[in-house]
Amino acid sequence: MSKKTATGKKQHRASYLQTALRFDISNPGTIANWQRKLKERGVEALLTRRGRAKYMTTNHNRQS
């Protein structure tokens, strides 16, 4: 969705806040980051997966 959001802002000449509200994104700064990545490194930069893994694989929460 980041490519659609970043290009949608440009096409509609909307502010970051307006675009965030339209696409239900909690932080308008995220759109600025996506736009910068798109401009500097192209679509491939938006496809990289970063952040926390969906599932924790450690056993830290086990009780002995």
PDB file of N, CA and C in Angstrom:
ATOM      1  N   MET A   1       0.814  -1.192   0.000  1.00  0.00           N
ATOM      2  CA  MET A   1       0.000   0.000   0.000  1.00  0.00           C
ATOM      3  C   MET A   1       0.856   1.254   0.000  1.00  0.00           C
ATOM      4  N   SER A   2       2.098   1.190   0.396  1.00  0.00           N
ATOM      5  CA  SER A   2       2.916   2.393   0.487  1.00  0.00           C
ATOM      6  C   SER A   2       3.107   3.066  -0.869  1.00  0.00           C
ATOM      7  N   LYS A   3       3.250   2.294  -1.946  1.00  0.00           N
ATOM      8  CA  LYS A   3       3.412   2.901  -3.274  1.00  0.00           C
ATOM      9  C   LYS A   3       2.131   3.646  -3.659  1.00  0.00           C
ATOM     10  N   LYS A   4       1.005   3.014  -3.423  1.00  0.00           N
ATOM     11  CA  LYS A   4      -0.278   3.639  -3.751  1.00  0.00           C
ATOM     12  C   LYS A   4      -0.466   4.920  -2.936  1.00  0.00           C
ATOM     13  N   THR A   5      -0.080   4.884  -1.677  1.00  0.00           N
ATOM     14  CA  THR A   5      -0.218   6.048  -0.809  1.00  0.00           C
ATOM     15  C   THR A   5       0.700   7.176  -1.240  1.00  0.00           C
ATOM     16  N   ALA A   6       1.969   6.835  -1.493  1.00  0.00           N
ATOM     17  CA  ALA A   6       2.954   7.849  -1.878  1.00  0.00           C
ATOM     18  C   ALA A   6       2.589   8.501  -3.206  1.00  0.00           C
ATOM     19  N   THR A   7       2.147   7.713  -4.168  1.00  0.00           N
ATOM     20  CA  THR A   7       1.777   8.287  -5.463  1.00  0.00           C
ATOM     21  C   THR A   7       0.426   8.989  -5.387  1.00  0.00           C
ATOM     22  N   GLY A   8      -0.465   8.512  -4.524  1.00  0.00           N
ATOM     23  CA  GLY A   8      -1.773   9.150  -4.355  1.00  0.00           C
ATOM     24  C   GLY A   8      -1.649  10.557  -3.827  1.00  0.00           C
ATOM     25  N   LYS A   9      -0.713  10.773  -2.909  1.00  0.00           N
ATOM     26  CA  LYS A   9      -0.494  12.113  -2.360  1.00  0.00           C
ATOM     27  C   LYS A   9      -0.078  13.061  -3.467  1.00  0.00           C
ATOM     28  N   LYS A  10       0.826  12.618  -4.310  1.00  0.00           N
ATOM     29  CA  LYS A  10       1.330  13.468  -5.380  1.00  0.00           C
ATOM     30  C   LYS A  10       0.226  13.775  -6.402  1.00  0.00           C
ATOM     31  N   GLN A  11      -0.542  12.763  -6.776  1.00  0.00           N
ATOM     32  CA  GLN A  11      -1.593  12.944  -7.782  1.00  0.00           C
ATOM     33  C   GLN A  11      -2.688  13.887  -7.308  1.00  0.00           C
ATOM     34  N   HIS A  12      -3.033  13.817  -6.039  1.00  0.00           N
ATOM     35  CA  HIS A  12      -4.147  14.620  -5.521  1.00  0.00           C
ATOM     36  C   HIS A  12      -3.689  15.908  -4.855  1.00  0.00           C
ATOM     37  N   ARG A  13      -2.376  16.133  -4.836  1.00  0.00           N
ATOM     38  CA  ARG A  13      -1.794  17.331  -4.221  1.00  0.00           C
ATOM     39  C   ARG A  13      -2.337  17.557  -2.806  1.00  0.00           C
ATOM     40  N   ALA A  14      -2.384  16.482  -2.049  1.00  0.00           N
ATOM     41  CA  ALA A  14      -2.889  16.539  -0.684  1.00  0.00           C
ATOM     42  C   ALA A  14      -1.730  16.672   0.294  1.00  0.00           C
ATOM     43  N   SER A  15      -2.026  17.142   1.494  1.00  0.00           N
ATOM     44  CA  SER A  15      -1.008  17.229   2.532  1.00  0.00           C
ATOM     45  C   SER A  15      -0.744  15.828   3.084  1.00  0.00           C
ATOM     46  N   TYR A  16       0.326  15.713   3.866  1.00  0.00           N
ATOM     47  CA  TYR A  16       0.614  14.424   4.496  1.00  0.00           C
ATOM     48  C   TYR A  16      -0.529  14.025   5.426  1.00  0.00           C
ATOM     49  N   LEU A  17      -1.067  14.987   6.160  1.00  0.00           N
ATOM     50  CA  LEU A  17      -2.163  14.695   7.081  1.00  0.00           C
ATOM     51  C   LEU A  17      -3.407  14.227   6.325  1.00  0.00           C
ATOM     52  N   GLN A  18      -3.756  14.922   5.259  1.00  0.00           N
ATOM     53  CA  GLN A  18      -4.923  14.527   4.465  1.00  0.00           C
ATOM     54  C   GLN A  18      -4.743  13.125   3.888  1.00  0.00           C
ATOM     55  N   THR A  19      -3.538  12.839   3.399  1.00  0.00           N
ATOM     56  CA  THR A  19      -3.259  11.523   2.820  1.00  0.00           C
ATOM     57  C   THR A  19      -3.314  10.448   3.895  1.00  0.00           C
ATOM     58  N   ALA A  20      -2.769  10.727   5.073  1.00  0.00           N
ATOM     59  CA  ALA A  20      -2.798   9.761   6.178  1.00  0.00           C
ATOM     60  C   ALA A  20      -4.236   9.442   6.571  1.00  0.00           C
ATOM     61  N   LEU A  21      -5.064  10.457   6.649  1.00  0.00           N
ATOM     62  CA  LEU A  21      -6.466  10.230   6.988  1.00  0.00           C
ATOM     63  C   LEU A  21      -7.170   9.410   5.918  1.00  0.00           C
ATOM     64  N   ARG A  22      -6.897   9.690   4.682  1.00  0.00           N
ATOM     65  CA  ARG A  22      -7.543   8.979   3.567  1.00  0.00           C
ATOM     66  C   ARG A  22      -7.193   7.500   3.555  1.00  0.00           C
ATOM     67  N   PHE A  23      -5.925   7.178   3.858  1.00  0.00           N
ATOM     68  CA  PHE A  23      -5.469   5.788   3.806  1.00  0.00           C
ATOM     69  C   PHE A  23      -5.394   5.141   5.186  1.00  0.00           C
ATOM     70  N   ASP A  24      -5.935   5.801   6.210  1.00  0.00           N
ATOM     71  CA  ASP A  24      -5.969   5.280   7.577  1.00  0.00           C
ATOM     72  C   ASP A  24      -4.573   4.919   8.089  1.00  0.00           C
ATOM     73  N   ILE A  25      -3.656   5.874   7.995  1.00  0.00           N
ATOM     74  CA  ILE A  25      -2.286   5.719   8.485  1.00  0.00           C
ATOM     75  C   ILE A  25      -2.139   6.646   9.688  1.00  0.00           C
ATOM     76  N   SER A  26      -1.689   6.086  10.815  1.00  0.00           N
ATOM     77  CA  SER A  26      -1.680   6.858  12.054  1.00  0.00           C
ATOM     78  C   SER A  26      -0.608   7.948  12.094  1.00  0.00           C
ATOM     79  N   ASN A  27       0.491   7.787  11.364  1.00  0.00           N
ATOM     80  CA  ASN A  27       1.583   8.759  11.410  1.00  0.00           C
ATOM     81  C   ASN A  27       1.832   9.349  10.021  1.00  0.00           C
ATOM     82  N   PRO A  28       1.500  10.618   9.791  1.00  0.00           N
ATOM     83  CA  PRO A  28       1.728  11.237   8.485  1.00  0.00           C
ATOM     84  C   PRO A  28       3.196  11.223   8.057  1.00  0.00           C
ATOM     85  N   GLY A  29       4.118  11.174   9.014  1.00  0.00           N
ATOM     86  CA  GLY A  29       5.545  11.112   8.686  1.00  0.00           C
ATOM     87  C   GLY A  29       5.915   9.859   7.924  1.00  0.00           C
ATOM     88  N   THR A  30       5.140   8.807   8.102  1.00  0.00           N
ATOM     89  CA  THR A  30       5.366   7.561   7.365  1.00  0.00           C
ATOM     90  C   THR A  30       5.251   7.808   5.865  1.00  0.00           C
ATOM     91  N   ILE A  31       4.293   8.623   5.484  1.00  0.00           N
ATOM     92  CA  ILE A  31       4.087   8.917   4.059  1.00  0.00           C
ATOM     93  C   ILE A  31       5.268   9.700   3.512  1.00  0.00           C
ATOM     94  N   ALA A  32       5.798  10.622   4.287  1.00  0.00           N
ATOM     95  CA  ALA A  32       6.970  11.388   3.862  1.00  0.00           C
ATOM     96  C   ALA A  32       8.153  10.435   3.634  1.00  0.00           C
ATOM     97  N   ASN A  33       8.335   9.473   4.523  1.00  0.00           N
ATOM     98  CA  ASN A  33       9.413   8.494   4.359  1.00  0.00           C
ATOM     99  C   ASN A  33       9.213   7.652   3.115  1.00  0.00           C
ATOM    100  N   TRP A  34       7.983   7.192   2.884  1.00  0.00           N
ATOM    101  CA  TRP A  34       7.703   6.396   1.692  1.00  0.00           C
ATOM    102  C   TRP A  34       7.961   7.203   0.416  1.00  0.00           C
ATOM    103  N   GLN A  35       7.551   8.463   0.426  1.00  0.00           N
ATOM    104  CA  GLN A  35       7.751   9.306  -0.749  1.00  0.00           C
ATOM    105  C   GLN A  35       9.238   9.513  -1.035  1.00  0.00           C
ATOM    106  N   ARG A  36      10.009   9.740   0.027  1.00  0.00           N
ATOM    107  CA  ARG A  36      11.449   9.935  -0.129  1.00  0.00           C
ATOM    108  C   ARG A  36      12.105   8.670  -0.687  1.00  0.00           C
ATOM    109  N   LYS A  37      11.743   7.509  -0.150  1.00  0.00           N
ATOM    110  CA  LYS A  37      12.293   6.239  -0.636  1.00  0.00           C
ATOM    111  C   LYS A  37      11.934   6.016  -2.094  1.00  0.00           C
ATOM    112  N   LEU A  38      10.684   6.294  -2.455  1.00  0.00           N
ATOM    113  CA  LEU A  38      10.227   6.119  -3.831  1.00  0.00           C
ATOM    114  C   LEU A  38      11.029   7.004  -4.778  1.00  0.00           C
ATOM    115  N   LYS A  39      11.251   8.237  -4.391  1.00  0.00           N
ATOM    116  CA  LYS A  39      11.982   9.185  -5.234  1.00  0.00           C
ATOM    117  C   LYS A  39      13.465   8.806  -5.363  1.00  0.00           C
ATOM    118  N   GLU A  40      14.090   8.419  -4.235  1.00  0.00           N
ATOM    119  CA  GLU A  40      15.526   8.150  -4.235  1.00  0.00           C
ATOM    120  C   GLU A  40      15.897   6.782  -4.788  1.00  0.00           C
ATOM    121  N   ARG A  41      15.077   5.751  -4.471  1.00  0.00           N
ATOM    122  CA  ARG A  41      15.485   4.390  -4.825  1.00  0.00           C
ATOM    123  C   ARG A  41      14.454   3.594  -5.601  1.00  0.00           C
ATOM    124  N   GLY A  42      13.330   4.200  -5.911  1.00  0.00           N
ATOM    125  CA  GLY A  42      12.320   3.528  -6.721  1.00  0.00           C
ATOM    126  C   GLY A  42      11.422   2.587  -5.933  1.00  0.00           C
ATOM    127  N   VAL A  43      10.587   1.879  -6.670  1.00  0.00           N
ATOM    128  CA  VAL A  43       9.575   1.008  -6.086  1.00  0.00           C
ATOM    129  C   VAL A  43      10.187  -0.093  -5.221  1.00  0.00           C
ATOM    130  N   GLU A  44      11.327  -0.615  -5.604  1.00  0.00           N
ATOM    131  CA  GLU A  44      11.961  -1.696  -4.844  1.00  0.00           C
ATOM    132  C   GLU A  44      12.204  -1.304  -3.385  1.00  0.00           C
ATOM    133  N   ALA A  45      12.502  -0.052  -3.135  1.00  0.00           N
ATOM    134  CA  ALA A  45      12.760   0.411  -1.768  1.00  0.00           C
ATOM    135  C   ALA A  45      11.512   0.298  -0.892  1.00  0.00           C
ATOM    136  N   LEU A  46      10.340   0.339  -1.504  1.00  0.00           N
ATOM    137  CA  LEU A  46       9.096   0.238  -0.747  1.00  0.00           C
ATOM    138  C   LEU A  46       8.705  -1.208  -0.462  1.00  0.00           C
ATOM    139  N   LEU A  47       9.355  -2.135  -1.119  1.00  0.00           N
ATOM    140  CA  LEU A  47       8.996  -3.541  -0.959  1.00  0.00           C
ATOM    141  C   LEU A  47       9.799  -4.242   0.126  1.00  0.00           C
ATOM    142  N   THR A  48      10.818  -3.596   0.674  1.00  0.00           N
ATOM    143  CA  THR A  48      11.633  -4.234   1.706  1.00  0.00           C
ATOM    144  C   THR A  48      10.826  -4.352   2.994  1.00  0.00           C
ATOM    145  N   ARG A  49      10.987  -5.475   3.667  1.00  0.00           N
ATOM    146  CA  ARG A  49      10.276  -5.727   4.915  1.00  0.00           C
ATOM    147  C   ARG A  49      11.184  -5.384   6.080  1.00  0.00           C
ATOM    148  N   ARG A  50      10.732  -4.500   6.936  1.00  0.00           N
ATOM    149  CA  ARG A  50      11.489  -4.117   8.122  1.00  0.00           C
ATOM    150  C   ARG A  50      10.568  -4.154   9.322  1.00  0.00           C
ATOM    151  N   GLY A  51      11.157  -4.099  10.488  1.00  0.00           N
ATOM    152  CA  GLY A  51      10.350  -4.039  11.699  1.00  0.00           C
ATOM    153  C   GLY A  51      10.355  -5.350  12.443  1.00  0.00           C
ATOM    154  N   ARG A  52       9.500  -5.443  13.396  1.00  0.00           N
ATOM    155  CA  ARG A  52       9.414  -6.604  14.270  1.00  0.00           C
ATOM    156  C   ARG A  52       8.825  -7.801  13.533  1.00  0.00           C
ATOM    157  N   ALA A  53       9.373  -8.973  13.795  1.00  0.00           N
ATOM    158  CA  ALA A  53       8.844 -10.198  13.209  1.00  0.00           C
ATOM    159  C   ALA A  53       7.433 -10.452  13.741  1.00  0.00           C
ATOM    160  N   LYS A  54       6.613 -11.117  12.955  1.00  0.00           N
ATOM    161  CA  LYS A  54       5.245 -11.390  13.370  1.00  0.00           C
ATOM    162  C   LYS A  54       5.192 -12.356  14.545  1.00  0.00           C
ATOM    163  N   TYR A  55       6.093 -13.303  14.585  1.00  0.00           N
ATOM    164  CA  TYR A  55       6.068 -14.318  15.633  1.00  0.00           C
ATOM    165  C   TYR A  55       7.404 -14.362  16.352  1.00  0.00           C
ATOM    166  N   MET A  56       7.338 -14.405  17.663  1.00  0.00           N
ATOM    167  CA  MET A  56       8.545 -14.540  18.468  1.00  0.00           C
ATOM    168  C   MET A  56       8.929 -16.021  18.492  1.00  0.00           C
ATOM    169  N   THR A  57      10.207 -16.318  18.316  1.00  0.00           N
ATOM    170  CA  THR A  57      10.634 -17.712  18.281  1.00  0.00           C
ATOM    171  C   THR A  57      11.414 -18.101  19.524  1.00  0.00           C
ATOM    172  N   THR A  58      11.545 -17.195  20.500  1.00  0.00           N
ATOM    173  CA  THR A  58      12.277 -17.504  21.709  1.00  0.00           C
ATOM    174  C   THR A  58      11.337 -18.015  22.789  1.00  0.00           C
ATOM    175  N   ASN A  59      11.905 -18.611  23.807  1.00  0.00           N
ATOM    176  CA  ASN A  59      11.106 -19.162  24.902  1.00  0.00           C
ATOM    177  C   ASN A  59      11.249 -18.326  26.167  1.00  0.00           C
ATOM    178  N   HIS A  60      11.392 -17.043  26.058  1.00  0.00           N
ATOM    179  CA  HIS A  60      11.610 -16.171  27.212  1.00  0.00           C
ATOM    180  C   HIS A  60      10.399 -16.112  28.143  1.00  0.00           C
ATOM    181  N   ASN A  61       9.233 -16.366  27.651  1.00  0.00           N
ATOM    182  CA  ASN A  61       8.029 -16.231  28.466  1.00  0.00           C
ATOM    183  C   ASN A  61       7.656 -17.506  29.212  1.00  0.00           C
ATOM    184  N   ARG A  62       8.429 -18.531  29.086  1.00  0.00           N
ATOM    185  CA  ARG A  62       8.125 -19.789  29.771  1.00  0.00           C
ATOM    186  C   ARG A  62       8.427 -19.675  31.263  1.00  0.00           C
ATOM    187  N   GLN A  63       7.573 -20.259  32.061  1.00  0.00           N
ATOM    188  CA  GLN A  63       7.814 -20.313  33.496  1.00  0.00           C
ATOM    189  C   GLN A  63       8.410 -21.672  33.849  1.00  0.00           C
ATOM    190  N   SER A  64       9.357 -21.682  34.757  1.00  0.00           N
ATOM    191  CA  SER A  64      10.008 -22.944  35.149  1.00  0.00           C
ATOM    192  C   SER A  64       9.270 -23.617  36.265  1.00  0.00           C
TER     193      SER A  64
END
